[in-house]
Amino acid sequence: MVACYIESSFPALLHFAYKYADSPEQAVLANANAGGENVARGSLLGALMGAAHGSTGFDAWNGWMRDELLRGKEIEQEIDQLVKHII
């Protein structure tokens, strides 16, 4: 993420977070489709939307993505353990 500077794309991050506040998947998809310096913006947007909605806000994760991702269930368990330590 060295070449993706967040300073110039932070306003776009706020736009996507506000416009797609009810749909984390749509926010991440819109960010990716916008192009430009979307890597840093997408990582922060995903973290922000994930903090607001949890994994249940990402329907794809709760369906095909978790089931078909290599070691998806193990990743989900690690995330759950991390969250338990934080709260």
N, C-alpha and C. Protein backbone atom coordinates (compact mmCIF):
# COMPACT_ATOMS: atom_id res chain seq x y z
N MET A 1 0.82 -1.20 0.00
CA MET A 1 0.00 0.00 0.00
C MET A 1 0.86 1.26 0.00
N VAL A 2 2.10 1.14 -0.33
CA VAL A 2 2.99 2.28 -0.30
C VAL A 2 2.57 3.38 -1.27
N ALA A 3 2.10 3.01 -2.45
CA ALA A 3 1.78 4.02 -3.47
C ALA A 3 0.38 4.59 -3.33
N CYS A 4 -0.44 4.03 -2.46
CA CYS A 4 -1.83 4.51 -2.33
C CYS A 4 -1.92 5.45 -1.14
N TYR A 5 -1.90 6.72 -1.40
CA TYR A 5 -1.90 7.71 -0.33
C TYR A 5 -3.33 8.04 0.07
N ILE A 6 -3.62 7.91 1.34
CA ILE A 6 -4.98 8.07 1.82
C ILE A 6 -5.40 9.55 1.90
N GLU A 7 -4.45 10.44 2.04
CA GLU A 7 -4.80 11.85 2.20
C GLU A 7 -5.69 12.36 1.06
N SER A 8 -5.34 12.02 -0.14
CA SER A 8 -6.10 12.53 -1.29
C SER A 8 -7.39 11.77 -1.53
N SER A 9 -7.50 10.56 -1.01
CA SER A 9 -8.71 9.78 -1.26
C SER A 9 -9.61 9.66 -0.03
N PHE A 10 -9.24 10.34 1.06
CA PHE A 10 -10.05 10.28 2.27
C PHE A 10 -11.46 10.83 2.06
N PRO A 11 -11.63 11.93 1.31
CA PRO A 11 -13.00 12.40 1.06
C PRO A 11 -13.86 11.35 0.34
N ALA A 12 -13.27 10.61 -0.57
CA ALA A 12 -14.01 9.55 -1.25
C ALA A 12 -14.38 8.43 -0.28
N LEU A 13 -13.47 8.11 0.64
CA LEU A 13 -13.76 7.11 1.66
C LEU A 13 -14.99 7.53 2.47
N LEU A 14 -15.04 8.78 2.88
CA LEU A 14 -16.19 9.28 3.64
C LEU A 14 -17.47 9.21 2.81
N HIS A 15 -17.35 9.52 1.53
CA HIS A 15 -18.50 9.45 0.63
C HIS A 15 -19.06 8.03 0.57
N PHE A 16 -18.19 7.04 0.34
CA PHE A 16 -18.65 5.66 0.25
C PHE A 16 -19.22 5.18 1.58
N ALA A 17 -18.59 5.55 2.68
CA ALA A 17 -19.08 5.13 4.00
C ALA A 17 -20.47 5.71 4.27
N TYR A 18 -20.69 6.94 3.86
CA TYR A 18 -21.99 7.57 4.08
C TYR A 18 -23.06 7.04 3.11
N LYS A 19 -22.71 7.01 1.84
CA LYS A 19 -23.69 6.61 0.82
C LYS A 19 -24.13 5.16 0.99
N TYR A 20 -23.20 4.30 1.36
CA TYR A 20 -23.50 2.88 1.49
C TYR A 20 -23.45 2.42 2.95
N ALA A 21 -23.86 3.28 3.86
CA ALA A 21 -23.78 2.98 5.29
C ALA A 21 -24.54 1.71 5.67
N ASP A 22 -25.59 1.40 4.95
CA ASP A 22 -26.39 0.21 5.26
C ASP A 22 -25.93 -1.04 4.52
N SER A 23 -24.95 -0.91 3.65
CA SER A 23 -24.52 -2.07 2.86
C SER A 23 -22.99 -2.10 2.73
N PRO A 24 -22.32 -2.77 3.66
CA PRO A 24 -20.86 -2.84 3.58
C PRO A 24 -20.36 -3.42 2.27
N GLU A 25 -21.04 -4.43 1.75
CA GLU A 25 -20.60 -5.03 0.49
C GLU A 25 -20.67 -4.03 -0.66
N GLN A 26 -21.75 -3.25 -0.71
CA GLN A 26 -21.88 -2.25 -1.77
C GLN A 26 -20.82 -1.15 -1.62
N ALA A 27 -20.48 -0.81 -0.39
CA ALA A 27 -19.45 0.21 -0.16
C ALA A 27 -18.11 -0.26 -0.69
N VAL A 28 -17.73 -1.50 -0.36
CA VAL A 28 -16.45 -2.04 -0.82
C VAL A 28 -16.44 -2.21 -2.33
N LEU A 29 -17.55 -2.68 -2.89
CA LEU A 29 -17.65 -2.85 -4.34
C LEU A 29 -17.56 -1.50 -5.06
N ALA A 30 -18.27 -0.50 -4.56
CA ALA A 30 -18.23 0.83 -5.19
C ALA A 30 -16.81 1.40 -5.13
N ASN A 31 -16.12 1.18 -4.03
CA ASN A 31 -14.74 1.65 -3.90
C ASN A 31 -13.85 0.98 -4.94
N ALA A 32 -13.99 -0.33 -5.09
CA ALA A 32 -13.16 -1.05 -6.06
C ALA A 32 -13.45 -0.58 -7.48
N ASN A 33 -14.72 -0.38 -7.77
CA ASN A 33 -15.11 0.05 -9.12
C ASN A 33 -14.71 1.49 -9.41
N ALA A 34 -14.49 2.29 -8.38
CA ALA A 34 -14.10 3.68 -8.58
C ALA A 34 -12.69 3.79 -9.12
N GLY A 35 -11.87 2.77 -8.86
CA GLY A 35 -10.51 2.80 -9.35
C GLY A 35 -9.66 3.81 -8.61
N GLY A 36 -8.64 4.30 -9.27
CA GLY A 36 -7.75 5.25 -8.62
C GLY A 36 -6.97 4.58 -7.51
N GLU A 37 -6.71 5.31 -6.48
CA GLU A 37 -5.95 4.80 -5.34
C GLU A 37 -6.91 4.10 -4.38
N ASN A 38 -7.44 2.96 -4.82
CA ASN A 38 -8.50 2.32 -4.04
C ASN A 38 -8.00 1.30 -3.03
N VAL A 39 -6.73 0.97 -3.02
CA VAL A 39 -6.24 -0.06 -2.11
C VAL A 39 -6.26 0.42 -0.66
N ALA A 40 -5.60 1.51 -0.38
CA ALA A 40 -5.59 2.04 0.99
C ALA A 40 -6.99 2.46 1.39
N ARG A 41 -7.70 3.10 0.49
CA ARG A 41 -9.07 3.53 0.77
C ARG A 41 -9.95 2.32 1.07
N GLY A 42 -9.79 1.25 0.30
CA GLY A 42 -10.58 0.04 0.50
C GLY A 42 -10.27 -0.65 1.81
N SER A 43 -9.01 -0.68 2.19
CA SER A 43 -8.67 -1.35 3.45
C SER A 43 -9.25 -0.59 4.63
N LEU A 44 -9.20 0.72 4.58
CA LEU A 44 -9.78 1.52 5.67
C LEU A 44 -11.31 1.47 5.63
N LEU A 45 -11.87 1.50 4.45
CA LEU A 45 -13.32 1.42 4.32
C LEU A 45 -13.83 0.07 4.83
N GLY A 46 -13.15 -1.00 4.47
CA GLY A 46 -13.53 -2.32 4.95
C GLY A 46 -13.44 -2.43 6.46
N ALA A 47 -12.39 -1.85 7.04
CA ALA A 47 -12.25 -1.87 8.50
C ALA A 47 -13.36 -1.06 9.16
N LEU A 48 -13.66 0.09 8.59
CA LEU A 48 -14.72 0.94 9.14
C LEU A 48 -16.08 0.26 9.05
N MET A 49 -16.39 -0.29 7.89
CA MET A 49 -17.68 -0.97 7.71
C MET A 49 -17.75 -2.23 8.57
N GLY A 50 -16.64 -2.94 8.69
CA GLY A 50 -16.60 -4.13 9.53
C GLY A 50 -16.81 -3.79 11.00
N ALA A 51 -16.22 -2.68 11.44
CA ALA A 51 -16.41 -2.26 12.83
C ALA A 51 -17.86 -1.87 13.09
N ALA A 52 -18.49 -1.28 12.10
CA ALA A 52 -19.88 -0.83 12.26
C ALA A 52 -20.88 -1.98 12.15
N HIS A 53 -20.60 -2.96 11.31
CA HIS A 53 -21.58 -4.01 11.01
C HIS A 53 -21.18 -5.40 11.49
N GLY A 54 -19.92 -5.63 11.76
CA GLY A 54 -19.47 -6.97 12.09
C GLY A 54 -19.50 -7.86 10.86
N SER A 55 -19.14 -9.12 11.03
CA SER A 55 -19.10 -10.01 9.86
C SER A 55 -20.49 -10.30 9.33
N THR A 56 -21.52 -10.12 10.15
CA THR A 56 -22.88 -10.37 9.67
C THR A 56 -23.32 -9.34 8.64
N GLY A 57 -22.64 -8.21 8.57
CA GLY A 57 -22.98 -7.20 7.59
C GLY A 57 -22.51 -7.53 6.19
N PHE A 58 -21.65 -8.51 6.08
CA PHE A 58 -21.11 -8.91 4.79
C PHE A 58 -21.76 -10.23 4.37
N ASP A 59 -22.86 -10.14 3.64
CA ASP A 59 -23.61 -11.34 3.26
C ASP A 59 -22.76 -12.35 2.50
N ALA A 60 -21.89 -11.86 1.63
CA ALA A 60 -21.05 -12.79 0.86
C ALA A 60 -20.14 -13.59 1.78
N TRP A 61 -19.64 -12.96 2.85
CA TRP A 61 -18.78 -13.69 3.77
C TRP A 61 -19.56 -14.80 4.46
N ASN A 62 -20.80 -14.54 4.78
CA ASN A 62 -21.62 -15.52 5.46
C ASN A 62 -22.15 -16.60 4.53
N GLY A 63 -21.85 -16.52 3.27
CA GLY A 63 -22.31 -17.51 2.30
C GLY A 63 -21.15 -18.13 1.56
N TRP A 64 -21.10 -17.87 0.28
CA TRP A 64 -20.14 -18.53 -0.60
C TRP A 64 -18.69 -18.22 -0.25
N MET A 65 -18.40 -16.99 0.18
CA MET A 65 -17.01 -16.62 0.38
C MET A 65 -16.38 -17.42 1.52
N ARG A 66 -17.07 -17.52 2.63
CA ARG A 66 -16.54 -18.28 3.76
C ARG A 66 -16.43 -19.76 3.41
N ASP A 67 -17.41 -20.28 2.70
CA ASP A 67 -17.44 -21.70 2.40
C ASP A 67 -16.43 -22.11 1.33
N GLU A 68 -16.16 -21.23 0.38
CA GLU A 68 -15.28 -21.58 -0.73
C GLU A 68 -13.87 -21.03 -0.58
N LEU A 69 -13.66 -20.11 0.33
CA LEU A 69 -12.33 -19.58 0.56
C LEU A 69 -11.47 -20.65 1.22
N LEU A 70 -10.27 -20.82 0.72
CA LEU A 70 -9.36 -21.79 1.30
C LEU A 70 -9.15 -21.45 2.78
N ARG A 71 -9.48 -22.37 3.65
CA ARG A 71 -9.35 -22.22 5.10
C ARG A 71 -10.25 -21.10 5.64
N GLY A 72 -11.38 -20.86 4.97
CA GLY A 72 -12.29 -19.79 5.37
C GLY A 72 -12.83 -19.95 6.78
N LYS A 73 -13.16 -21.17 7.15
CA LYS A 73 -13.69 -21.41 8.50
C LYS A 73 -12.63 -21.18 9.56
N GLU A 74 -11.38 -21.53 9.26
CA GLU A 74 -10.29 -21.28 10.19
C GLU A 74 -10.06 -19.78 10.35
N ILE A 75 -10.15 -19.05 9.26
CA ILE A 75 -10.00 -17.59 9.31
C ILE A 75 -11.09 -16.99 10.17
N GLU A 76 -12.32 -17.47 10.00
CA GLU A 76 -13.44 -16.96 10.78
C GLU A 76 -13.23 -17.24 12.27
N GLN A 77 -12.72 -18.42 12.61
CA GLN A 77 -12.46 -18.74 14.02
C GLN A 77 -11.39 -17.82 14.60
N GLU A 78 -10.36 -17.54 13.83
CA GLU A 78 -9.31 -16.63 14.30
C GLU A 78 -9.86 -15.23 14.53
N ILE A 79 -10.72 -14.78 13.63
CA ILE A 79 -11.34 -13.46 13.79
C ILE A 79 -12.19 -13.43 15.06
N ASP A 80 -12.97 -14.49 15.28
CA ASP A 80 -13.81 -14.56 16.48
C ASP A 80 -12.96 -14.53 17.74
N GLN A 81 -11.84 -15.26 17.75
CA GLN A 81 -10.95 -15.26 18.91
C GLN A 81 -10.36 -13.88 19.15
N LEU A 82 -9.97 -13.20 18.07
CA LEU A 82 -9.41 -11.85 18.20
C LEU A 82 -10.44 -10.90 18.79
N VAL A 83 -11.66 -10.97 18.29
CA VAL A 83 -12.72 -10.09 18.79
C VAL A 83 -12.98 -10.35 20.26
N LYS A 84 -12.98 -11.60 20.70
CA LYS A 84 -13.20 -11.93 22.11
C LYS A 84 -12.12 -11.31 23.00
N HIS A 85 -10.88 -11.27 22.50
CA HIS A 85 -9.79 -10.69 23.29
C HIS A 85 -9.90 -9.17 23.36
N ILE A 86 -10.48 -8.58 22.35
CA ILE A 86 -10.58 -7.12 22.31
C ILE A 86 -11.70 -6.61 23.19
N ILE A 87 -12.81 -7.35 23.20
CA ILE A 87 -13.98 -6.86 23.96
C ILE A 87 -13.90 -7.21 25.39
